[in-house]
Amino acid sequence: MPMRRPSVHWFLPDEPDVLAGLRSQMTITVAGMDAFAAWAAGDGTAAELVRAKEHEADEARRALREALRDAFITPISPEDIFILSQLLDRILNGAKDVVREAEVMAMPPDGPMAEMAEQLREGTTHLSRAFGAIAVHGGKDSHRTATRAADDATKSARRLEKVYRQAMGSLLDLDLTAGSTYEHVREVTGRRELYRRLSRIADALVDVADRVWYAAVKEA
């Protein structure tokens, strides 16, 4: 009787859940931007939470990169996952930098900064919806949800730009009298820098939204 060859079973290693890693970074970013909006609205204690969330997001991004390196297949393009994570990182980094610059200049947030920070918080929440939808294999409906959420994030950025232009214009109305020139120049220079930093975060928000569109179109 011929001997039967032992059967050979091939086992693939467990696939790392890269989308869970991306969602984790997104969740931390939303929490960080919530704290940033609270800080800009006058809660000075929220500054530490912004910094803490930025560090957490860095760790989540690092873990995602490692998972992406080990993944055999991914639900969406590895390139899209990598770039979405990279662009998302700029949002919370920018918020941390605004807090740091305001502290260095001893210049607490004002009304326009609070309005802009709220638009960033809102826009990041829209991005979270987009991230949740883009990975769902629901055909055109899920892709449509992702792109609509991305569009909503872009609209938040555009509203921020309107506040930014009004705030920058108001700086020109400061009365530079001889007796208070230094203080006024300091105020104008400091506010201009902080406003510009907030505008750059809005640019990062739009970059993420645009990449969501790109990824959704490819997967559709």
N, C-alpha and C. Protein backbone atom coordinates (compact mmCIF):
# COMPACT_ATOMS: atom_id res chain seq x y z
N MET A 1 0.86 -1.20 0.00
CA MET A 1 0.00 0.00 0.00
C MET A 1 0.89 1.24 0.00
N PRO A 2 0.69 2.15 -0.98
CA PRO A 2 1.57 3.31 -1.04
C PRO A 2 1.38 4.22 0.17
N MET A 3 2.48 4.79 0.55
CA MET A 3 2.41 5.71 1.70
C MET A 3 1.83 7.04 1.25
N ARG A 4 0.94 7.57 2.05
CA ARG A 4 0.32 8.85 1.74
C ARG A 4 1.23 9.98 2.21
N ARG A 5 1.43 10.91 1.32
CA ARG A 5 2.27 12.05 1.70
C ARG A 5 1.52 12.93 2.70
N PRO A 6 2.24 13.39 3.65
CA PRO A 6 1.57 14.29 4.61
C PRO A 6 1.10 15.55 3.90
N SER A 7 -0.09 15.98 4.24
CA SER A 7 -0.62 17.19 3.62
C SER A 7 0.14 18.42 4.13
N VAL A 8 0.27 19.36 3.25
CA VAL A 8 0.99 20.59 3.59
C VAL A 8 -0.01 21.74 3.63
N HIS A 9 0.00 22.46 4.72
CA HIS A 9 -0.91 23.60 4.87
C HIS A 9 -0.07 24.88 4.90
N TRP A 10 -0.48 25.81 4.12
CA TRP A 10 0.20 27.10 4.11
C TRP A 10 -0.61 28.10 4.93
N PHE A 11 0.08 28.71 5.82
CA PHE A 11 -0.58 29.69 6.69
C PHE A 11 0.00 31.07 6.42
N LEU A 12 -0.88 32.01 6.13
CA LEU A 12 -0.45 33.39 6.00
C LEU A 12 -0.51 34.05 7.37
N PRO A 13 0.42 34.92 7.66
CA PRO A 13 0.38 35.61 8.96
C PRO A 13 -0.86 36.48 9.06
N ASP A 14 -1.27 36.73 10.29
CA ASP A 14 -2.43 37.60 10.50
C ASP A 14 -2.16 38.96 9.88
N GLU A 15 -3.16 39.45 9.18
CA GLU A 15 -3.01 40.74 8.53
C GLU A 15 -3.21 41.88 9.53
N PRO A 16 -2.28 42.81 9.62
CA PRO A 16 -2.50 43.97 10.49
C PRO A 16 -3.65 44.82 9.96
N ASP A 17 -4.45 45.32 10.86
CA ASP A 17 -5.61 46.13 10.47
C ASP A 17 -5.15 47.58 10.28
N VAL A 18 -4.71 47.89 9.07
CA VAL A 18 -4.16 49.22 8.84
C VAL A 18 -5.22 50.31 8.92
N LEU A 19 -6.44 49.96 8.52
CA LEU A 19 -7.50 50.97 8.58
C LEU A 19 -7.87 51.30 10.03
N ALA A 20 -7.76 50.31 10.90
CA ALA A 20 -7.99 50.58 12.32
C ALA A 20 -6.94 51.55 12.83
N GLY A 21 -5.71 51.38 12.34
CA GLY A 21 -4.65 52.29 12.73
C GLY A 21 -4.90 53.71 12.24
N LEU A 22 -5.39 53.83 11.01
CA LEU A 22 -5.71 55.15 10.47
C LEU A 22 -6.86 55.79 11.24
N ARG A 23 -7.86 54.99 11.57
CA ARG A 23 -8.99 55.52 12.34
C ARG A 23 -8.56 55.94 13.74
N SER A 24 -7.60 55.20 14.31
CA SER A 24 -7.09 55.56 15.63
C SER A 24 -6.41 56.93 15.59
N GLN A 25 -5.58 57.14 14.58
CA GLN A 25 -4.95 58.45 14.44
C GLN A 25 -6.00 59.54 14.25
N MET A 26 -7.03 59.24 13.49
CA MET A 26 -8.10 60.20 13.24
C MET A 26 -8.83 60.54 14.54
N THR A 27 -9.14 59.52 15.33
CA THR A 27 -9.86 59.73 16.59
C THR A 27 -9.06 60.62 17.54
N ILE A 28 -7.77 60.36 17.62
CA ILE A 28 -6.89 61.17 18.48
C ILE A 28 -6.84 62.61 17.96
N THR A 29 -6.78 62.77 16.64
CA THR A 29 -6.73 64.10 16.06
C THR A 29 -8.01 64.88 16.37
N VAL A 30 -9.15 64.22 16.27
CA VAL A 30 -10.42 64.89 16.61
C VAL A 30 -10.40 65.35 18.07
N ALA A 31 -9.93 64.49 18.97
CA ALA A 31 -9.86 64.86 20.39
C ALA A 31 -8.90 66.03 20.59
N GLY A 32 -7.79 66.01 19.85
CA GLY A 32 -6.83 67.10 19.96
C GLY A 32 -7.38 68.42 19.47
N MET A 33 -8.15 68.37 18.38
CA MET A 33 -8.74 69.60 17.85
C MET A 33 -9.91 70.10 18.71
N ASP A 34 -10.59 69.18 19.38
CA ASP A 34 -11.59 69.59 20.36
C ASP A 34 -10.92 70.40 21.48
N ALA A 35 -9.78 69.88 21.94
CA ALA A 35 -9.03 70.58 22.99
C ALA A 35 -8.50 71.92 22.48
N PHE A 36 -8.07 71.94 21.23
CA PHE A 36 -7.55 73.17 20.65
C PHE A 36 -8.64 74.24 20.59
N ALA A 37 -9.84 73.85 20.18
CA ALA A 37 -10.95 74.80 20.13
C ALA A 37 -11.29 75.31 21.53
N ALA A 38 -11.22 74.42 22.52
CA ALA A 38 -11.49 74.83 23.90
C ALA A 38 -10.43 75.83 24.37
N TRP A 39 -9.17 75.56 24.03
CA TRP A 39 -8.10 76.49 24.40
C TRP A 39 -8.32 77.85 23.75
N ALA A 40 -8.63 77.86 22.46
CA ALA A 40 -8.83 79.11 21.74
C ALA A 40 -10.03 79.89 22.28
N ALA A 41 -10.99 79.17 22.86
CA ALA A 41 -12.17 79.82 23.43
C ALA A 41 -11.93 80.34 24.84
N GLY A 42 -10.70 80.10 25.38
CA GLY A 42 -10.37 80.67 26.68
C GLY A 42 -9.99 79.69 27.76
N ASP A 43 -10.05 78.39 27.48
CA ASP A 43 -9.68 77.39 28.48
C ASP A 43 -8.18 77.12 28.41
N GLY A 44 -7.41 77.85 29.21
CA GLY A 44 -5.96 77.71 29.18
C GLY A 44 -5.46 76.33 29.54
N THR A 45 -6.23 75.61 30.35
CA THR A 45 -5.79 74.28 30.78
C THR A 45 -5.80 73.28 29.62
N ALA A 46 -6.51 73.57 28.56
CA ALA A 46 -6.62 72.65 27.42
C ALA A 46 -5.34 72.60 26.61
N ALA A 47 -4.41 73.53 26.84
CA ALA A 47 -3.15 73.54 26.10
C ALA A 47 -2.38 72.25 26.30
N GLU A 48 -2.34 71.77 27.52
CA GLU A 48 -1.61 70.52 27.80
C GLU A 48 -2.25 69.33 27.09
N LEU A 49 -3.57 69.35 26.97
CA LEU A 49 -4.25 68.24 26.30
C LEU A 49 -3.93 68.27 24.80
N VAL A 50 -3.82 69.46 24.23
CA VAL A 50 -3.44 69.56 22.82
C VAL A 50 -2.08 68.91 22.61
N ARG A 51 -1.13 69.24 23.49
CA ARG A 51 0.22 68.66 23.36
C ARG A 51 0.20 67.15 23.56
N ALA A 52 -0.57 66.70 24.54
CA ALA A 52 -0.64 65.26 24.82
C ALA A 52 -1.23 64.51 23.63
N LYS A 53 -2.27 65.05 23.03
CA LYS A 53 -2.90 64.39 21.89
C LYS A 53 -1.99 64.39 20.67
N GLU A 54 -1.19 65.44 20.52
CA GLU A 54 -0.25 65.48 19.40
C GLU A 54 0.77 64.36 19.54
N HIS A 55 1.24 64.12 20.77
CA HIS A 55 2.18 63.01 21.00
C HIS A 55 1.50 61.66 20.75
N GLU A 56 0.27 61.52 21.20
CA GLU A 56 -0.46 60.27 20.97
C GLU A 56 -0.65 60.02 19.48
N ALA A 57 -0.95 61.07 18.75
CA ALA A 57 -1.15 60.93 17.31
C ALA A 57 0.14 60.52 16.62
N ASP A 58 1.27 61.04 17.09
CA ASP A 58 2.56 60.63 16.53
C ASP A 58 2.80 59.13 16.74
N GLU A 59 2.45 58.65 17.93
CA GLU A 59 2.61 57.22 18.21
C GLU A 59 1.68 56.38 17.33
N ALA A 60 0.47 56.85 17.16
CA ALA A 60 -0.50 56.13 16.31
C ALA A 60 -0.01 56.10 14.87
N ARG A 61 0.55 57.19 14.42
CA ARG A 61 1.07 57.25 13.05
C ARG A 61 2.26 56.30 12.87
N ARG A 62 3.11 56.25 13.87
CA ARG A 62 4.26 55.35 13.81
C ARG A 62 3.81 53.89 13.77
N ALA A 63 2.82 53.56 14.59
CA ALA A 63 2.29 52.19 14.59
C ALA A 63 1.64 51.86 13.25
N LEU A 64 0.96 52.83 12.67
CA LEU A 64 0.33 52.62 11.37
C LEU A 64 1.37 52.33 10.30
N ARG A 65 2.47 53.05 10.33
CA ARG A 65 3.53 52.83 9.34
C ARG A 65 4.10 51.41 9.45
N GLU A 66 4.27 50.96 10.67
CA GLU A 66 4.79 49.61 10.88
C GLU A 66 3.79 48.57 10.38
N ALA A 67 2.51 48.80 10.66
CA ALA A 67 1.48 47.88 10.19
C ALA A 67 1.41 47.88 8.67
N LEU A 68 1.56 49.04 8.09
CA LEU A 68 1.49 49.16 6.64
C LEU A 68 2.67 48.43 5.98
N ARG A 69 3.80 48.47 6.62
CA ARG A 69 4.98 47.77 6.10
C ARG A 69 4.79 46.26 6.11
N ASP A 70 4.07 45.76 7.12
CA ASP A 70 3.90 44.31 7.27
C ASP A 70 2.65 43.77 6.57
N ALA A 71 1.80 44.67 6.08
CA ALA A 71 0.53 44.23 5.50
C ALA A 71 0.75 43.59 4.13
N PHE A 72 0.08 42.46 3.91
CA PHE A 72 0.17 41.77 2.61
C PHE A 72 -0.79 42.39 1.61
N ILE A 73 -2.01 42.66 2.07
CA ILE A 73 -2.99 43.36 1.26
C ILE A 73 -3.64 44.44 2.13
N THR A 74 -4.14 45.47 1.49
CA THR A 74 -4.82 46.55 2.22
C THR A 74 -6.15 46.87 1.54
N PRO A 75 -7.14 47.27 2.32
CA PRO A 75 -8.47 47.54 1.75
C PRO A 75 -8.46 48.67 0.73
N ILE A 76 -7.62 49.68 0.94
CA ILE A 76 -7.42 50.73 -0.05
C ILE A 76 -5.92 50.84 -0.30
N SER A 77 -5.54 51.61 -1.28
CA SER A 77 -4.14 51.71 -1.67
C SER A 77 -3.23 52.05 -0.49
N PRO A 78 -2.12 51.30 -0.32
CA PRO A 78 -1.16 51.63 0.74
C PRO A 78 -0.65 53.07 0.63
N GLU A 79 -0.49 53.52 -0.61
CA GLU A 79 -0.04 54.90 -0.82
C GLU A 79 -1.05 55.89 -0.26
N ASP A 80 -2.34 55.63 -0.50
CA ASP A 80 -3.38 56.53 0.01
C ASP A 80 -3.40 56.54 1.54
N ILE A 81 -3.26 55.37 2.13
CA ILE A 81 -3.25 55.28 3.59
C ILE A 81 -2.07 56.06 4.15
N PHE A 82 -0.91 55.87 3.55
CA PHE A 82 0.30 56.55 4.02
C PHE A 82 0.15 58.06 3.91
N ILE A 83 -0.32 58.55 2.77
CA ILE A 83 -0.42 59.99 2.56
C ILE A 83 -1.54 60.61 3.39
N LEU A 84 -2.66 59.91 3.55
CA LEU A 84 -3.73 60.41 4.41
C LEU A 84 -3.21 60.59 5.84
N SER A 85 -2.45 59.62 6.31
CA SER A 85 -1.87 59.71 7.66
C SER A 85 -0.89 60.87 7.75
N GLN A 86 -0.08 61.02 6.73
CA GLN A 86 0.93 62.09 6.71
C GLN A 86 0.28 63.47 6.70
N LEU A 87 -0.73 63.64 5.86
CA LEU A 87 -1.40 64.93 5.77
C LEU A 87 -2.19 65.23 7.05
N LEU A 88 -2.82 64.20 7.61
CA LEU A 88 -3.58 64.38 8.84
C LEU A 88 -2.67 64.85 9.98
N ASP A 89 -1.45 64.37 9.98
CA ASP A 89 -0.48 64.73 11.02
C ASP A 89 -0.24 66.23 11.06
N ARG A 90 -0.32 66.88 9.93
CA ARG A 90 -0.05 68.32 9.86
C ARG A 90 -1.09 69.15 10.58
N ILE A 91 -2.31 68.63 10.67
CA ILE A 91 -3.38 69.40 11.31
C ILE A 91 -3.10 69.57 12.80
N LEU A 92 -2.87 68.47 13.49
CA LEU A 92 -2.64 68.55 14.93
C LEU A 92 -1.28 69.16 15.25
N ASN A 93 -0.29 68.91 14.42
CA ASN A 93 1.01 69.56 14.60
C ASN A 93 0.85 71.08 14.52
N GLY A 94 0.05 71.52 13.56
CA GLY A 94 -0.18 72.96 13.41
C GLY A 94 -0.86 73.56 14.62
N ALA A 95 -1.84 72.83 15.17
CA ALA A 95 -2.53 73.31 16.36
C ALA A 95 -1.58 73.42 17.54
N LYS A 96 -0.73 72.43 17.71
CA LYS A 96 0.25 72.47 18.80
C LYS A 96 1.19 73.67 18.64
N ASP A 97 1.58 73.95 17.40
CA ASP A 97 2.49 75.07 17.15
C ASP A 97 1.82 76.41 17.45
N VAL A 98 0.53 76.53 17.16
CA VAL A 98 -0.19 77.76 17.48
C VAL A 98 -0.19 77.98 18.99
N VAL A 99 -0.49 76.93 19.74
CA VAL A 99 -0.49 77.04 21.20
C VAL A 99 0.88 77.46 21.70
N ARG A 100 1.91 76.84 21.19
CA ARG A 100 3.28 77.14 21.63
C ARG A 100 3.65 78.59 21.30
N GLU A 101 3.35 79.05 20.09
CA GLU A 101 3.69 80.42 19.70
C GLU A 101 2.92 81.43 20.55
N ALA A 102 1.67 81.16 20.83
CA ALA A 102 0.88 82.07 21.65
C ALA A 102 1.48 82.17 23.06
N GLU A 103 1.94 81.05 23.58
CA GLU A 103 2.54 81.05 24.91
C GLU A 103 3.87 81.80 24.91
N VAL A 104 4.69 81.57 23.88
CA VAL A 104 5.98 82.24 23.79
C VAL A 104 5.81 83.75 23.71
N MET A 105 4.82 84.19 22.96
CA MET A 105 4.58 85.62 22.80
C MET A 105 3.71 86.21 23.89
N ALA A 106 3.29 85.36 24.84
CA ALA A 106 2.39 85.80 25.91
C ALA A 106 1.18 86.52 25.33
N MET A 107 0.60 85.89 24.33
CA MET A 107 -0.52 86.48 23.61
C MET A 107 -1.68 85.49 23.61
N PRO A 108 -2.61 85.60 24.53
CA PRO A 108 -3.73 84.65 24.60
C PRO A 108 -4.62 84.75 23.38
N PRO A 109 -5.34 83.70 23.07
CA PRO A 109 -6.22 83.71 21.89
C PRO A 109 -7.31 84.77 22.02
N ASP A 110 -7.69 85.31 20.86
CA ASP A 110 -8.76 86.31 20.84
C ASP A 110 -9.98 85.76 20.11
N GLY A 111 -10.95 86.63 19.86
CA GLY A 111 -12.18 86.20 19.23
C GLY A 111 -12.00 85.56 17.86
N PRO A 112 -11.25 86.19 16.94
CA PRO A 112 -11.03 85.57 15.64
C PRO A 112 -10.34 84.22 15.72
N MET A 113 -9.40 84.08 16.63
CA MET A 113 -8.73 82.79 16.79
C MET A 113 -9.72 81.73 17.27
N ALA A 114 -10.61 82.11 18.16
CA ALA A 114 -11.62 81.16 18.64
C ALA A 114 -12.54 80.73 17.51
N GLU A 115 -12.93 81.69 16.64
CA GLU A 115 -13.79 81.34 15.50
C GLU A 115 -13.07 80.42 14.53
N MET A 116 -11.81 80.72 14.25
CA MET A 116 -11.05 79.89 13.32
C MET A 116 -10.81 78.50 13.89
N ALA A 117 -10.50 78.42 15.17
CA ALA A 117 -10.27 77.12 15.80
C ALA A 117 -11.54 76.27 15.78
N GLU A 118 -12.68 76.91 15.93
CA GLU A 118 -13.94 76.18 15.89
C GLU A 118 -14.18 75.61 14.50
N GLN A 119 -13.86 76.37 13.46
CA GLN A 119 -14.00 75.85 12.10
C GLN A 119 -13.05 74.68 11.86
N LEU A 120 -11.87 74.74 12.42
CA LEU A 120 -10.93 73.62 12.29
C LEU A 120 -11.44 72.39 13.02
N ARG A 121 -12.01 72.61 14.20
CA ARG A 121 -12.59 71.49 14.95
C ARG A 121 -13.72 70.84 14.15
N GLU A 122 -14.58 71.69 13.60
CA GLU A 122 -15.70 71.18 12.82
C GLU A 122 -15.21 70.45 11.56
N GLY A 123 -14.24 71.03 10.89
CA GLY A 123 -13.70 70.40 9.68
C GLY A 123 -13.06 69.06 9.95
N THR A 124 -12.36 68.95 11.07
CA THR A 124 -11.74 67.68 11.43
C THR A 124 -12.78 66.62 11.72
N THR A 125 -13.89 67.02 12.31
CA THR A 125 -14.99 66.09 12.56
C THR A 125 -15.56 65.58 11.23
N HIS A 126 -15.68 66.45 10.25
CA HIS A 126 -16.13 66.02 8.93
C HIS A 126 -15.14 65.03 8.31
N LEU A 127 -13.86 65.29 8.47
CA LEU A 127 -12.85 64.36 7.95
C LEU A 127 -12.98 62.98 8.61
N SER A 128 -13.33 62.97 9.88
CA SER A 128 -13.50 61.70 10.57
C SER A 128 -14.62 60.89 9.92
N ARG A 129 -15.71 61.56 9.54
CA ARG A 129 -16.79 60.86 8.82
C ARG A 129 -16.30 60.36 7.48
N ALA A 130 -15.49 61.15 6.81
CA ALA A 130 -14.97 60.75 5.51
C ALA A 130 -14.07 59.53 5.64
N PHE A 131 -13.22 59.51 6.65
CA PHE A 131 -12.33 58.36 6.87
C PHE A 131 -13.13 57.11 7.16
N GLY A 132 -14.22 57.26 7.91
CA GLY A 132 -15.03 56.11 8.24
C GLY A 132 -15.73 55.52 7.04
N ALA A 133 -16.06 56.38 6.08
CA ALA A 133 -16.81 55.91 4.90
C ALA A 133 -15.92 55.39 3.79
N ILE A 134 -14.73 55.95 3.64
CA ILE A 134 -13.92 55.61 2.48
C ILE A 134 -13.47 54.16 2.49
N ALA A 135 -13.38 53.56 3.68
CA ALA A 135 -12.91 52.19 3.77
C ALA A 135 -14.03 51.16 3.73
N VAL A 136 -15.27 51.64 3.69
CA VAL A 136 -16.41 50.73 3.67
C VAL A 136 -16.65 50.27 2.24
N HIS A 137 -16.71 48.97 2.06
CA HIS A 137 -16.93 48.43 0.72
C HIS A 137 -18.43 48.43 0.42
N GLY A 138 -18.99 49.63 0.30
CA GLY A 138 -20.42 49.75 0.05
C GLY A 138 -20.71 50.33 -1.31
N GLY A 139 -19.71 50.28 -2.18
CA GLY A 139 -19.91 50.79 -3.52
C GLY A 139 -20.01 52.30 -3.55
N LYS A 140 -20.82 52.79 -4.48
CA LYS A 140 -20.90 54.23 -4.70
C LYS A 140 -21.46 54.98 -3.51
N ASP A 141 -22.34 54.34 -2.73
CA ASP A 141 -22.94 55.04 -1.59
C ASP A 141 -21.88 55.43 -0.56
N SER A 142 -20.99 54.50 -0.23
CA SER A 142 -19.95 54.81 0.75
C SER A 142 -18.98 55.84 0.21
N HIS A 143 -18.63 55.73 -1.07
CA HIS A 143 -17.73 56.71 -1.65
C HIS A 143 -18.37 58.09 -1.70
N ARG A 144 -19.68 58.13 -1.97
CA ARG A 144 -20.39 59.40 -2.00
C ARG A 144 -20.42 60.02 -0.61
N THR A 145 -20.61 59.19 0.41
CA THR A 145 -20.59 59.69 1.79
C THR A 145 -19.23 60.27 2.14
N ALA A 146 -18.17 59.57 1.72
CA ALA A 146 -16.81 60.03 2.01
C ALA A 146 -16.53 61.37 1.34
N THR A 147 -16.91 61.49 0.08
CA THR A 147 -16.60 62.72 -0.64
C THR A 147 -17.46 63.90 -0.16
N ARG A 148 -18.70 63.62 0.22
CA ARG A 148 -19.54 64.68 0.76
C ARG A 148 -18.97 65.19 2.09
N ALA A 149 -18.52 64.27 2.91
CA ALA A 149 -17.90 64.67 4.18
C ALA A 149 -16.62 65.46 3.93
N ALA A 150 -15.85 65.05 2.92
CA ALA A 150 -14.64 65.78 2.56
C ALA A 150 -14.99 67.19 2.09
N ASP A 151 -16.07 67.30 1.32
CA ASP A 151 -16.52 68.62 0.86
C ASP A 151 -16.93 69.50 2.05
N ASP A 152 -17.57 68.89 3.04
CA ASP A 152 -17.97 69.64 4.23
C ASP A 152 -16.74 70.15 4.98
N ALA A 153 -15.68 69.33 5.01
CA ALA A 153 -14.43 69.76 5.65
C ALA A 153 -13.84 70.95 4.91
N THR A 154 -13.87 70.89 3.59
CA THR A 154 -13.36 72.00 2.78
C THR A 154 -14.17 73.27 3.02
N LYS A 155 -15.49 73.14 3.18
CA LYS A 155 -16.33 74.31 3.46
C LYS A 155 -15.96 74.93 4.80
N SER A 156 -15.63 74.10 5.78
CA SER A 156 -15.19 74.64 7.07
C SER A 156 -13.91 75.45 6.90
N ALA A 157 -13.00 74.93 6.08
CA ALA A 157 -11.75 75.65 5.81
C ALA A 157 -12.02 76.98 5.11
N ARG A 158 -12.97 76.99 4.20
CA ARG A 158 -13.31 78.23 3.49
C ARG A 158 -13.93 79.26 4.44
N ARG A 159 -14.74 78.79 5.38
CA ARG A 159 -15.31 79.72 6.37
C ARG A 159 -14.20 80.29 7.25
N LEU A 160 -13.22 79.47 7.57
CA LEU A 160 -12.08 79.96 8.34
C LEU A 160 -11.36 81.07 7.57
N GLU A 161 -11.18 80.88 6.29
CA GLU A 161 -10.48 81.88 5.48
C GLU A 161 -11.22 83.21 5.49
N LYS A 162 -12.52 83.17 5.53
CA LYS A 162 -13.30 84.41 5.61
C LYS A 162 -13.03 85.14 6.93
N VAL A 163 -13.02 84.38 8.02
CA VAL A 163 -12.70 84.97 9.32
C VAL A 163 -11.26 85.50 9.31
N TYR A 164 -10.37 84.75 8.69
CA TYR A 164 -8.96 85.15 8.61
C TYR A 164 -8.81 86.50 7.90
N ARG A 165 -9.46 86.65 6.77
CA ARG A 165 -9.34 87.90 6.01
C ARG A 165 -9.90 89.08 6.81
N GLN A 166 -11.01 88.86 7.49
CA GLN A 166 -11.60 89.93 8.29
C GLN A 166 -10.68 90.30 9.45
N ALA A 167 -10.09 89.27 10.07
CA ALA A 167 -9.20 89.52 11.22
C ALA A 167 -7.94 90.25 10.78
N MET A 168 -7.37 89.84 9.65
CA MET A 168 -6.17 90.50 9.15
C MET A 168 -6.48 91.95 8.78
N GLY A 169 -7.66 92.19 8.22
CA GLY A 169 -8.05 93.55 7.89
C GLY A 169 -8.20 94.42 9.13
N SER A 170 -8.71 93.83 10.20
CA SER A 170 -8.91 94.61 11.43
C SER A 170 -7.59 95.03 12.04
N LEU A 171 -6.53 94.30 11.78
CA LEU A 171 -5.22 94.67 12.31
C LEU A 171 -4.75 96.00 11.73
N LEU A 172 -5.18 96.30 10.52
CA LEU A 172 -4.79 97.55 9.87
C LEU A 172 -5.49 98.75 10.50
N ASP A 173 -6.55 98.49 11.25
CA ASP A 173 -7.32 99.58 11.85
C ASP A 173 -6.77 100.01 13.20
N LEU A 174 -5.74 99.31 13.69
CA LEU A 174 -5.17 99.69 14.98
C LEU A 174 -4.53 101.07 14.87
N ASP A 175 -4.78 101.89 15.86
CA ASP A 175 -4.27 103.26 15.86
C ASP A 175 -2.83 103.27 16.38
N LEU A 176 -1.87 103.45 15.47
CA LEU A 176 -0.46 103.47 15.86
C LEU A 176 -0.06 104.88 16.30
N THR A 177 -0.44 105.22 17.51
CA THR A 177 -0.07 106.53 18.06
C THR A 177 1.35 106.47 18.60
N ALA A 178 1.95 107.62 18.73
CA ALA A 178 3.36 107.69 19.15
C ALA A 178 3.56 107.09 20.54
N GLY A 179 2.57 107.28 21.41
CA GLY A 179 2.76 106.80 22.78
C GLY A 179 2.58 105.30 22.94
N SER A 180 2.02 104.64 21.97
CA SER A 180 1.77 103.21 22.12
C SER A 180 2.24 102.41 20.91
N THR A 181 3.18 102.95 20.17
CA THR A 181 3.64 102.31 18.95
C THR A 181 4.16 100.90 19.21
N TYR A 182 5.01 100.75 20.22
CA TYR A 182 5.61 99.44 20.47
C TYR A 182 4.54 98.40 20.75
N GLU A 183 3.61 98.69 21.63
CA GLU A 183 2.58 97.72 21.99
C GLU A 183 1.69 97.38 20.80
N HIS A 184 1.40 98.38 20.02
CA HIS A 184 0.56 98.12 18.86
C HIS A 184 1.29 97.28 17.81
N VAL A 185 2.55 97.61 17.57
CA VAL A 185 3.33 96.83 16.61
C VAL A 185 3.47 95.39 17.09
N ARG A 186 3.69 95.23 18.38
CA ARG A 186 3.79 93.88 18.95
C ARG A 186 2.48 93.12 18.75
N GLU A 187 1.39 93.79 18.99
CA GLU A 187 0.07 93.16 18.84
C GLU A 187 -0.17 92.77 17.38
N VAL A 188 0.11 93.69 16.47
CA VAL A 188 -0.12 93.42 15.06
C VAL A 188 0.76 92.28 14.57
N THR A 189 2.03 92.32 14.94
CA THR A 189 2.97 91.29 14.48
C THR A 189 2.61 89.92 15.04
N GLY A 190 2.29 89.87 16.33
CA GLY A 190 1.95 88.60 16.96
C GLY A 190 0.66 88.01 16.43
N ARG A 191 -0.36 88.85 16.33
CA ARG A 191 -1.65 88.37 15.83
C ARG A 191 -1.54 87.89 14.39
N ARG A 192 -0.80 88.64 13.59
CA ARG A 192 -0.63 88.26 12.19
C ARG A 192 -0.02 86.87 12.09
N GLU A 193 0.99 86.60 12.90
CA GLU A 193 1.63 85.29 12.86
C GLU A 193 0.68 84.18 13.30
N LEU A 194 -0.06 84.42 14.36
CA LEU A 194 -1.00 83.40 14.84
C LEU A 194 -2.12 83.16 13.83
N TYR A 195 -2.64 84.23 13.24
CA TYR A 195 -3.69 84.07 12.24
C TYR A 195 -3.18 83.28 11.03
N ARG A 196 -1.97 83.58 10.62
CA ARG A 196 -1.41 82.87 9.47
C ARG A 196 -1.21 81.40 9.75
N ARG A 197 -0.80 81.10 10.96
CA ARG A 197 -0.63 79.69 11.32
C ARG A 197 -1.98 78.96 11.27
N LEU A 198 -3.01 79.60 11.73
CA LEU A 198 -4.34 78.99 11.67
C LEU A 198 -4.78 78.80 10.22
N SER A 199 -4.46 79.76 9.37
CA SER A 199 -4.80 79.62 7.95
C SER A 199 -4.06 78.45 7.32
N ARG A 200 -2.83 78.22 7.74
CA ARG A 200 -2.06 77.09 7.19
C ARG A 200 -2.65 75.75 7.63
N ILE A 201 -3.22 75.71 8.83
CA ILE A 201 -3.89 74.47 9.26
C ILE A 201 -5.10 74.22 8.37
N ALA A 202 -5.80 75.28 8.00
CA ALA A 202 -6.94 75.13 7.08
C ALA A 202 -6.48 74.56 5.75
N ASP A 203 -5.30 74.99 5.29
CA ASP A 203 -4.75 74.45 4.04
C ASP A 203 -4.51 72.95 4.18
N ALA A 204 -4.00 72.53 5.35
CA ALA A 204 -3.77 71.11 5.59
C ALA A 204 -5.08 70.34 5.59
N LEU A 205 -6.12 70.95 6.15
CA LEU A 205 -7.45 70.33 6.17
C LEU A 205 -7.93 70.07 4.74
N VAL A 206 -7.75 71.05 3.87
CA VAL A 206 -8.17 70.90 2.48
C VAL A 206 -7.34 69.83 1.78
N ASP A 207 -6.05 69.75 2.09
CA ASP A 207 -5.19 68.73 1.48
C ASP A 207 -5.69 67.32 1.83
N VAL A 208 -6.10 67.12 3.08
CA VAL A 208 -6.64 65.81 3.47
C VAL A 208 -7.93 65.53 2.72
N ALA A 209 -8.80 66.54 2.66
CA ALA A 209 -10.08 66.37 1.96
C ALA A 209 -9.85 66.02 0.49
N ASP A 210 -8.91 66.68 -0.14
CA ASP A 210 -8.61 66.39 -1.55
C ASP A 210 -8.10 64.96 -1.73
N ARG A 211 -7.31 64.49 -0.77
CA ARG A 211 -6.79 63.12 -0.88
C ARG A 211 -7.90 62.11 -0.66
N VAL A 212 -8.87 62.42 0.18
CA VAL A 212 -10.03 61.55 0.34
C VAL A 212 -10.74 61.41 -1.01
N TRP A 213 -10.93 62.51 -1.69
CA TRP A 213 -11.56 62.47 -3.02
C TRP A 213 -10.75 61.58 -3.96
N TYR A 214 -9.46 61.75 -3.97
CA TYR A 214 -8.59 60.97 -4.86
C TYR A 214 -8.72 59.48 -4.58
N ALA A 215 -8.67 59.13 -3.29
CA ALA A 215 -8.77 57.72 -2.91
C ALA A 215 -10.14 57.15 -3.25
N ALA A 216 -11.19 57.95 -3.03
CA ALA A 216 -12.55 57.48 -3.30
C ALA A 216 -12.76 57.26 -4.79
N VAL A 217 -12.24 58.16 -5.62
CA VAL A 217 -12.39 58.00 -7.06
C VAL A 217 -11.68 56.75 -7.55
N LYS A 218 -10.51 56.47 -7.00
CA LYS A 218 -9.78 55.27 -7.40
C LYS A 218 -10.51 54.00 -7.01
N GLU A 219 -11.15 54.03 -5.84
CA GLU A 219 -11.81 52.82 -5.34
C GLU A 219 -13.20 52.62 -5.91
N ALA A 220 -13.77 53.67 -6.49
CA ALA A 220 -15.15 53.58 -7.00
C ALA A 220 -15.23 52.63 -8.18
